[in-house]
Amino acid sequence: MGGEHDPKRPGASISDSDLLKGNASLYLPKVQLADEGSYTCTVFITPESEKQTSTMQVLVRPNVSLSTQSITIPNGSEGSVKCDVIGFYPQQLDISWMKISKQRIENISSINYRKYFVTNSDKTFSVSSQLRIRPTMEDNGEKYRCVVKHSTFPGGFTIESVLSVVESKNHSLAIGATICVLALLGITLGFVIYFWRKHSKGGNRDNEESQSFLKSVSPDHKSKLLPGPDISETGT
């Protein structure tokens, strides 16, 4: 056994010592995507020969990240969070979203997010999934989980973003404007009541003075007559 080796791939080799032991394994360092495929080993024992074919599949695990670990959206507005899966191989990959609340965990329909696949220059693949969210105040504190299933993740891979819902600026402005209007109405009403009471008291006083004057000049008003000199008695 033994002989010369003429590797077609740089770094490929067969161990002579292992070959003497009946092990004709092929060693491939720094495996690349181009190394994927079928390999046939042929053993010659004159005059017989035997061959066996083996298929090698190359796997590349992706990097998974979210655009933000904490997303803040005003109440009634729409926001989004993106899940990026970069540099994976083979292309078969599933990406989905789940909504996690205090009461339950539910799958999010695919109509609420989009997926964009890209082929990279090194023949790996990347995908981004953008989830659209239009929350209410009741959704505050909920989590949105990106779930990635790929052959390099036997149990799957998950990553989460926490949602914070805040009052919208328009709503705050509306509340502020309402408070200002109510305050102005209160001030205006206060002035109206003040002047009304003041006018009412002044009118009553004038009315009392008018009535007193009318009584004093009325024909029915009795006046005291002072006694005059007795003109029936004359001096002699």
C-alpha atoms as a PDB file:
ATOM      1  CA  MET A   1       0.000   0.000   0.000  1.00  0.00           C
ATOM      2  CA  GLY A   2       1.011   3.572  -0.400  1.00  0.00           C
ATOM      3  CA  GLY A   3       2.069   5.613  -3.322  1.00  0.00           C
ATOM      4  CA  GLU A   4       2.183   9.127  -4.582  1.00  0.00           C
ATOM      5  CA  HIS A   5      -0.565  11.652  -3.894  1.00  0.00           C
ATOM      6  CA  ASP A   6      -1.570  14.354  -6.318  1.00  0.00           C
ATOM      7  CA  PRO A   7      -4.073  16.572  -4.462  1.00  0.00           C
ATOM      8  CA  LYS A   8      -6.221  18.824  -6.620  1.00  0.00           C
ATOM      9  CA  ARG A   9      -7.247  20.956  -3.658  1.00  0.00           C
ATOM     10  CA  PRO A  10      -4.625  22.911  -1.691  1.00  0.00           C
ATOM     11  CA  GLY A  11      -4.099  21.314   1.708  1.00  0.00           C
ATOM     12  CA  ALA A  12      -5.903  18.057   0.896  1.00  0.00           C
ATOM     13  CA  SER A  13      -4.034  14.972   2.023  1.00  0.00           C
ATOM     14  CA  ILE A  14      -4.192  11.257   2.843  1.00  0.00           C
ATOM     15  CA  SER A  15      -2.136   9.883   5.719  1.00  0.00           C
ATOM     16  CA  ASP A  16       0.294   7.178   4.573  1.00  0.00           C
ATOM     17  CA  SER A  17       0.421   5.699   8.044  1.00  0.00           C
ATOM     18  CA  ASP A  18      -3.361   5.491   8.213  1.00  0.00           C
ATOM     19  CA  LEU A  19      -3.449   4.090   4.694  1.00  0.00           C
ATOM     20  CA  LEU A  20      -1.180   1.213   5.763  1.00  0.00           C
ATOM     21  CA  LYS A  21      -3.765   0.487   8.431  1.00  0.00           C
ATOM     22  CA  GLY A  22      -6.543   0.405   5.869  1.00  0.00           C
ATOM     23  CA  ASN A  23      -7.799   3.932   6.522  1.00  0.00           C
ATOM     24  CA  ALA A  24      -7.973   5.983   3.324  1.00  0.00           C
ATOM     25  CA  SER A  25      -9.624   9.052   4.855  1.00  0.00           C
ATOM     26  CA  LEU A  26      -9.222  12.356   3.058  1.00  0.00           C
ATOM     27  CA  TYR A  27      -8.200  15.365   5.157  1.00  0.00           C
ATOM     28  CA  LEU A  28      -9.554  18.795   4.076  1.00  0.00           C
ATOM     29  CA  PRO A  29      -8.421  21.799   6.136  1.00  0.00           C
ATOM     30  CA  LYS A  30     -10.315  25.108   6.218  1.00  0.00           C
ATOM     31  CA  VAL A  31     -13.411  23.788   4.508  1.00  0.00           C
ATOM     32  CA  GLN A  32     -15.149  26.287   2.223  1.00  0.00           C
ATOM     33  CA  LEU A  33     -18.512  26.279   0.484  1.00  0.00           C
ATOM     34  CA  ALA A  34     -16.747  25.200  -2.702  1.00  0.00           C
ATOM     35  CA  ASP A  35     -15.755  21.946  -0.962  1.00  0.00           C
ATOM     36  CA  GLU A  36     -19.362  20.856  -0.701  1.00  0.00           C
ATOM     37  CA  GLY A  37     -20.255  17.916  -2.902  1.00  0.00           C
ATOM     38  CA  SER A  38     -19.707  14.197  -3.455  1.00  0.00           C
ATOM     39  CA  TYR A  39     -16.348  12.472  -2.892  1.00  0.00           C
ATOM     40  CA  THR A  40     -15.513   9.031  -4.259  1.00  0.00           C
ATOM     41  CA  CYS A  41     -12.818   6.849  -2.711  1.00  0.00           C
ATOM     42  CA  THR A  42     -11.489   4.064  -4.950  1.00  0.00           C
ATOM     43  CA  VAL A  43      -9.295   1.311  -3.527  1.00  0.00           C
ATOM     44  CA  PHE A  44      -7.302  -0.912  -5.881  1.00  0.00           C
ATOM     45  CA  ILE A  45      -6.110  -4.323  -4.817  1.00  0.00           C
ATOM     46  CA  THR A  46      -4.884  -5.872  -8.009  1.00  0.00           C
ATOM     47  CA  PRO A  47      -6.709  -7.152  -9.833  1.00  0.00           C
ATOM     48  CA  GLU A  48      -9.738  -6.048  -7.805  1.00  0.00           C
ATOM     49  CA  SER A  49     -10.975  -2.551  -6.967  1.00  0.00           C
ATOM     50  CA  GLU A  50     -13.656  -1.102  -4.768  1.00  0.00           C
ATOM     51  CA  LYS A  51     -15.096   2.370  -4.486  1.00  0.00           C
ATOM     52  CA  GLN A  52     -17.425   4.237  -2.175  1.00  0.00           C
ATOM     53  CA  THR A  53     -19.041   7.672  -2.542  1.00  0.00           C
ATOM     54  CA  SER A  54     -19.708  10.078   0.315  1.00  0.00           C
ATOM     55  CA  THR A  55     -21.474  13.435   0.232  1.00  0.00           C
ATOM     56  CA  MET A  56     -20.228  16.349   2.288  1.00  0.00           C
ATOM     57  CA  GLN A  57     -22.557  19.202   3.204  1.00  0.00           C
ATOM     58  CA  VAL A  58     -21.116  22.500   4.391  1.00  0.00           C
ATOM     59  CA  LEU A  59     -22.992  24.439   7.082  1.00  0.00           C
ATOM     60  CA  VAL A  60     -22.505  28.082   8.004  1.00  0.00           C
ATOM     61  CA  ARG A  61     -24.162  29.392  11.166  1.00  0.00           C
ATOM     62  CA  PRO A  62     -25.573  32.939  10.848  1.00  0.00           C
ATOM     63  CA  ASN A  63     -25.315  35.926  13.130  1.00  0.00           C
ATOM     64  CA  VAL A  64     -28.763  36.927  14.416  1.00  0.00           C
ATOM     65  CA  SER A  65     -29.565  40.385  15.780  1.00  0.00           C
ATOM     66  CA  LEU A  66     -32.460  42.798  16.313  1.00  0.00           C
ATOM     67  CA  SER A  67     -32.568  46.427  15.248  1.00  0.00           C
ATOM     68  CA  THR A  68     -33.354  47.260  18.879  1.00  0.00           C
ATOM     69  CA  GLN A  69     -33.671  45.356  22.143  1.00  0.00           C
ATOM     70  CA  SER A  70     -36.247  47.866  23.400  1.00  0.00           C
ATOM     71  CA  ILE A  71     -38.734  49.568  21.103  1.00  0.00           C
ATOM     72  CA  THR A  72     -40.808  52.626  22.087  1.00  0.00           C
ATOM     73  CA  ILE A  73     -43.961  53.477  20.123  1.00  0.00           C
ATOM     74  CA  PRO A  74     -46.516  56.255  20.830  1.00  0.00           C
ATOM     75  CA  ASN A  75     -50.024  55.012  21.540  1.00  0.00           C
ATOM     76  CA  GLY A  76     -51.993  54.629  18.305  1.00  0.00           C
ATOM     77  CA  SER A  77     -48.909  55.005  16.098  1.00  0.00           C
ATOM     78  CA  GLU A  78     -47.091  52.377  14.042  1.00  0.00           C
ATOM     79  CA  GLY A  79     -43.540  51.226  14.659  1.00  0.00           C
ATOM     80  CA  SER A  80     -41.363  48.334  13.581  1.00  0.00           C
ATOM     81  CA  VAL A  81     -38.575  46.063  14.733  1.00  0.00           C
ATOM     82  CA  LYS A  82     -36.238  44.198  12.377  1.00  0.00           C
ATOM     83  CA  CYS A  83     -34.583  40.819  12.784  1.00  0.00           C
ATOM     84  CA  ASP A  84     -31.386  40.359  10.741  1.00  0.00           C
ATOM     85  CA  VAL A  85     -29.981  36.894   9.999  1.00  0.00           C
ATOM     86  CA  ILE A  86     -26.602  37.352   8.324  1.00  0.00           C
ATOM     87  CA  GLY A  87     -24.328  34.873   6.519  1.00  0.00           C
ATOM     88  CA  PHE A  88     -25.923  31.416   6.614  1.00  0.00           C
ATOM     89  CA  TYR A  89     -25.720  28.314   4.459  1.00  0.00           C
ATOM     90  CA  PRO A  90     -27.585  26.405   3.120  1.00  0.00           C
ATOM     91  CA  GLN A  91     -30.403  28.705   2.098  1.00  0.00           C
ATOM     92  CA  GLN A  92     -33.194  26.719   3.741  1.00  0.00           C
ATOM     93  CA  LEU A  93     -34.171  28.840   6.728  1.00  0.00           C
ATOM     94  CA  ASP A  94     -37.389  29.759   8.495  1.00  0.00           C
ATOM     95  CA  ILE A  95     -37.912  33.026  10.332  1.00  0.00           C
ATOM     96  CA  SER A  96     -41.072  33.917  12.253  1.00  0.00           C
ATOM     97  CA  TRP A  97     -42.364  36.132  15.070  1.00  0.00           C
ATOM     98  CA  MET A  98     -44.141  35.515  18.356  1.00  0.00           C
ATOM     99  CA  LYS A  99     -45.932  37.909  20.711  1.00  0.00           C
ATOM    100  CA  ILE A 100     -45.377  37.276  24.410  1.00  0.00           C
ATOM    101  CA  SER A 101     -47.772  38.830  26.915  1.00  0.00           C
ATOM    102  CA  LYS A 102     -48.492  38.097  30.563  1.00  0.00           C
ATOM    103  CA  GLN A 103     -51.452  35.936  29.657  1.00  0.00           C
ATOM    104  CA  ARG A 104     -50.205  33.980  26.639  1.00  0.00           C
ATOM    105  CA  ILE A 105     -47.743  33.404  23.820  1.00  0.00           C
ATOM    106  CA  GLU A 106     -49.097  33.619  20.293  1.00  0.00           C
ATOM    107  CA  ASN A 107     -47.722  33.291  16.785  1.00  0.00           C
ATOM    108  CA  ILE A 108     -47.896  36.417  14.665  1.00  0.00           C
ATOM    109  CA  SER A 109     -49.380  36.068  11.197  1.00  0.00           C
ATOM    110  CA  SER A 110     -46.892  36.415   8.348  1.00  0.00           C
ATOM    111  CA  ILE A 111     -49.017  39.203   6.841  1.00  0.00           C
ATOM    112  CA  ASN A 112     -47.615  41.469   9.585  1.00  0.00           C
ATOM    113  CA  TYR A 113     -43.978  41.104   8.520  1.00  0.00           C
ATOM    114  CA  ARG A 114     -41.851  40.859   5.393  1.00  0.00           C
ATOM    115  CA  LYS A 115     -38.750  38.830   4.581  1.00  0.00           C
ATOM    116  CA  TYR A 116     -35.937  39.883   2.265  1.00  0.00           C
ATOM    117  CA  PHE A 117     -33.399  37.254   1.119  1.00  0.00           C
ATOM    118  CA  VAL A 118     -29.982  38.310  -0.177  1.00  0.00           C
ATOM    119  CA  THR A 119     -27.158  36.264  -1.725  1.00  0.00           C
ATOM    120  CA  ASN A 120     -23.771  37.410  -0.429  1.00  0.00           C
ATOM    121  CA  SER A 121     -20.532  37.560  -2.396  1.00  0.00           C
ATOM    122  CA  ASP A 122     -19.184  34.509  -0.528  1.00  0.00           C
ATOM    123  CA  LYS A 123     -22.234  32.458  -1.609  1.00  0.00           C
ATOM    124  CA  THR A 124     -23.811  32.585   1.847  1.00  0.00           C
ATOM    125  CA  PHE A 125     -27.277  34.049   2.376  1.00  0.00           C
ATOM    126  CA  SER A 126     -28.816  36.737   4.543  1.00  0.00           C
ATOM    127  CA  VAL A 127     -32.401  37.571   5.391  1.00  0.00           C
ATOM    128  CA  SER A 128     -34.132  40.415   7.199  1.00  0.00           C
ATOM    129  CA  SER A 129     -37.639  40.314   8.612  1.00  0.00           C
ATOM    130  CA  GLN A 130     -39.388  43.547   9.579  1.00  0.00           C
ATOM    131  CA  LEU A 131     -42.352  43.343  11.941  1.00  0.00           C
ATOM    132  CA  ARG A 132     -44.908  46.163  11.921  1.00  0.00           C
ATOM    133  CA  ILE A 133     -46.522  47.002  15.264  1.00  0.00           C
ATOM    134  CA  ARG A 134     -49.470  49.324  16.003  1.00  0.00           C
ATOM    135  CA  PRO A 135     -49.951  48.990  19.768  1.00  0.00           C
ATOM    136  CA  THR A 136     -52.339  50.353  22.369  1.00  0.00           C
ATOM    137  CA  MET A 137     -51.535  51.207  25.976  1.00  0.00           C
ATOM    138  CA  GLU A 138     -52.592  47.671  26.939  1.00  0.00           C
ATOM    139  CA  ASP A 139     -49.646  46.287  24.931  1.00  0.00           C
ATOM    140  CA  ASN A 140     -47.078  48.086  27.081  1.00  0.00           C
ATOM    141  CA  GLY A 141     -44.402  45.705  28.390  1.00  0.00           C
ATOM    142  CA  GLU A 142     -45.064  42.933  25.879  1.00  0.00           C
ATOM    143  CA  LYS A 143     -42.214  41.125  24.135  1.00  0.00           C
ATOM    144  CA  TYR A 144     -41.773  40.321  20.460  1.00  0.00           C
ATOM    145  CA  ARG A 145     -39.653  37.259  19.737  1.00  0.00           C
ATOM    146  CA  CYS A 146     -37.841  36.537  16.489  1.00  0.00           C
ATOM    147  CA  VAL A 147     -37.565  32.776  15.926  1.00  0.00           C
ATOM    148  CA  VAL A 148     -34.914  31.430  13.519  1.00  0.00           C
ATOM    149  CA  LYS A 149     -34.868  27.789  12.407  1.00  0.00           C
ATOM    150  CA  HIS A 150     -31.822  26.586  10.483  1.00  0.00           C
ATOM    151  CA  SER A 151     -29.791  23.392  10.206  1.00  0.00           C
ATOM    152  CA  THR A 152     -27.021  25.064  12.233  1.00  0.00           C
ATOM    153  CA  PHE A 153     -29.494  25.624  15.112  1.00  0.00           C
ATOM    154  CA  PRO A 154     -30.806  22.160  16.052  1.00  0.00           C
ATOM    155  CA  GLY A 155     -33.078  23.608  18.731  1.00  0.00           C
ATOM    156  CA  GLY A 156     -33.782  26.881  16.950  1.00  0.00           C
ATOM    157  CA  PHE A 157     -32.606  30.356  17.925  1.00  0.00           C
ATOM    158  CA  THR A 158     -34.677  33.130  19.524  1.00  0.00           C
ATOM    159  CA  ILE A 159     -34.093  36.782  20.359  1.00  0.00           C
ATOM    160  CA  GLU A 160     -36.539  39.269  21.906  1.00  0.00           C
ATOM    161  CA  SER A 161     -37.396  42.960  21.950  1.00  0.00           C
ATOM    162  CA  VAL A 162     -39.430  44.623  24.731  1.00  0.00           C
ATOM    163  CA  LEU A 163     -42.194  47.069  23.775  1.00  0.00           C
ATOM    164  CA  SER A 164     -42.837  50.347  25.599  1.00  0.00           C
ATOM    165  CA  VAL A 165     -46.011  52.240  24.701  1.00  0.00           C
ATOM    166  CA  VAL A 166     -46.148  55.962  25.567  1.00  0.00           C
ATOM    167  CA  GLU A 167     -48.814  58.611  25.193  1.00  0.00           C
ATOM    168  CA  SER A 168     -48.608  60.301  21.815  1.00  0.00           C
ATOM    169  CA  LYS A 169     -47.531  63.960  21.595  1.00  0.00           C
ATOM    170  CA  ASN A 170     -50.800  64.899  19.914  1.00  0.00           C
ATOM    171  CA  HIS A 171     -52.716  63.324  22.766  1.00  0.00           C
ATOM    172  CA  SER A 172     -50.617  65.178  25.324  1.00  0.00           C
ATOM    173  CA  LEU A 173     -51.101  68.447  23.439  1.00  0.00           C
ATOM    174  CA  ALA A 174     -54.836  67.827  23.314  1.00  0.00           C
ATOM    175  CA  ILE A 175     -54.930  67.231  27.064  1.00  0.00           C
ATOM    176  CA  GLY A 176     -52.845  70.356  27.680  1.00  0.00           C
ATOM    177  CA  ALA A 177     -55.083  72.433  25.429  1.00  0.00           C
ATOM    178  CA  THR A 178     -58.194  71.113  27.175  1.00  0.00           C
ATOM    179  CA  ILE A 179     -56.755  71.991  30.578  1.00  0.00           C
ATOM    180  CA  CYS A 180     -55.897  75.504  29.375  1.00  0.00           C
ATOM    181  CA  VAL A 181     -59.381  76.025  27.960  1.00  0.00           C
ATOM    182  CA  LEU A 182     -61.002  74.807  31.175  1.00  0.00           C
ATOM    183  CA  ALA A 183     -58.713  77.058  33.215  1.00  0.00           C
ATOM    184  CA  LEU A 184     -59.627  80.087  31.084  1.00  0.00           C
ATOM    185  CA  LEU A 185     -63.310  79.247  31.345  1.00  0.00           C
ATOM    186  CA  GLY A 186     -62.963  78.960  35.112  1.00  0.00           C
ATOM    187  CA  ILE A 187     -61.210  82.327  35.367  1.00  0.00           C
ATOM    188  CA  THR A 188     -63.781  83.971  33.084  1.00  0.00           C
ATOM    189  CA  LEU A 189     -66.659  82.485  35.055  1.00  0.00           C
ATOM    190  CA  GLY A 190     -65.075  83.708  38.277  1.00  0.00           C
ATOM    191  CA  PHE A 191     -64.893  87.279  36.985  1.00  0.00           C
ATOM    192  CA  VAL A 192     -68.492  87.103  35.763  1.00  0.00           C
ATOM    193  CA  ILE A 193     -69.727  85.906  39.150  1.00  0.00           C
ATOM    194  CA  TYR A 194     -67.659  88.555  40.967  1.00  0.00           C
ATOM    195  CA  PHE A 195     -68.969  91.462  38.902  1.00  0.00           C
ATOM    196  CA  TRP A 196     -72.524  90.118  39.004  1.00  0.00           C
ATOM    197  CA  ARG A 197     -72.481  89.961  42.779  1.00  0.00           C
ATOM    198  CA  LYS A 198     -70.910  93.402  43.013  1.00  0.00           C
ATOM    199  CA  HIS A 199     -73.508  94.885  40.656  1.00  0.00           C
ATOM    200  CA  SER A 200     -76.284  93.075  42.490  1.00  0.00           C
ATOM    201  CA  LYS A 201     -75.254  94.554  45.874  1.00  0.00           C
ATOM    202  CA  GLY A 202     -74.914  98.057  44.391  1.00  0.00           C
ATOM    203  CA  GLY A 203     -78.345  97.791  42.791  1.00  0.00           C
ATOM    204  CA  ASN A 204     -79.997  96.748  46.044  1.00  0.00           C
ATOM    205  CA  ARG A 205     -78.407  99.696  47.883  1.00  0.00           C
ATOM    206  CA  ASP A 206     -79.606 102.165  45.227  1.00  0.00           C
ATOM    207  CA  ASN A 207     -83.039 100.605  45.326  1.00  0.00           C
ATOM    208  CA  GLU A 208     -83.269 101.010  49.100  1.00  0.00           C
ATOM    209  CA  GLU A 209     -82.197 104.669  48.892  1.00  0.00           C
ATOM    210  CA  SER A 210     -84.764 105.312  46.147  1.00  0.00           C
ATOM    211  CA  GLN A 211     -87.532 103.761  48.197  1.00  0.00           C
ATOM    212  CA  SER A 212     -86.582 105.849  51.259  1.00  0.00           C
ATOM    213  CA  PHE A 213     -86.681 109.037  49.200  1.00  0.00           C
ATOM    214  CA  LEU A 214     -90.061 108.172  47.712  1.00  0.00           C
ATOM    215  CA  LYS A 215     -91.514 107.578  51.162  1.00  0.00           C
ATOM    216  CA  SER A 216     -90.282 110.948  52.346  1.00  0.00           C
ATOM    217  CA  VAL A 217     -92.084 112.858  49.589  1.00  0.00           C
ATOM    218  CA  SER A 218     -95.226 110.779  49.508  1.00  0.00           C
ATOM    219  CA  PRO A 219     -98.596 112.593  50.321  1.00  0.00           C
ATOM    220  CA  ASP A 220     -99.423 109.902  52.805  1.00  0.00           C
ATOM    221  CA  HIS A 221     -96.322 110.742  54.757  1.00  0.00           C
ATOM    222  CA  LYS A 222     -97.295 112.343  58.060  1.00  0.00           C
ATOM    223  CA  SER A 223     -95.303 115.410  59.192  1.00  0.00           C
ATOM    224  CA  LYS A 224     -95.273 116.879  62.658  1.00  0.00           C
ATOM    225  CA  LEU A 225     -96.736 120.481  62.853  1.00  0.00           C
ATOM    226  CA  LEU A 226     -95.152 122.852  65.294  1.00  0.00           C
ATOM    227  CA  PRO A 227     -97.691 124.879  67.390  1.00  0.00           C
ATOM    228  CA  GLY A 228     -97.991 128.579  66.380  1.00  0.00           C
ATOM    229  CA  PRO A 229     -99.151 131.682  68.362  1.00  0.00           C
ATOM    230  CA  ASP A 230    -102.806 131.840  69.413  1.00  0.00           C
ATOM    231  CA  ILE A 231    -104.301 134.647  67.291  1.00  0.00           C
ATOM    232  CA  SER A 232    -107.700 134.527  69.067  1.00  0.00           C
ATOM    233  CA  GLU A 233    -106.400 136.515  71.992  1.00  0.00           C
ATOM    234  CA  THR A 234    -105.664 140.181  71.346  1.00  0.00           C
ATOM    235  CA  GLY A 235    -104.425 142.807  73.715  1.00  0.00           C
ATOM    236  CA  THR A 236    -106.543 145.667  74.821  1.00  0.00           C
END
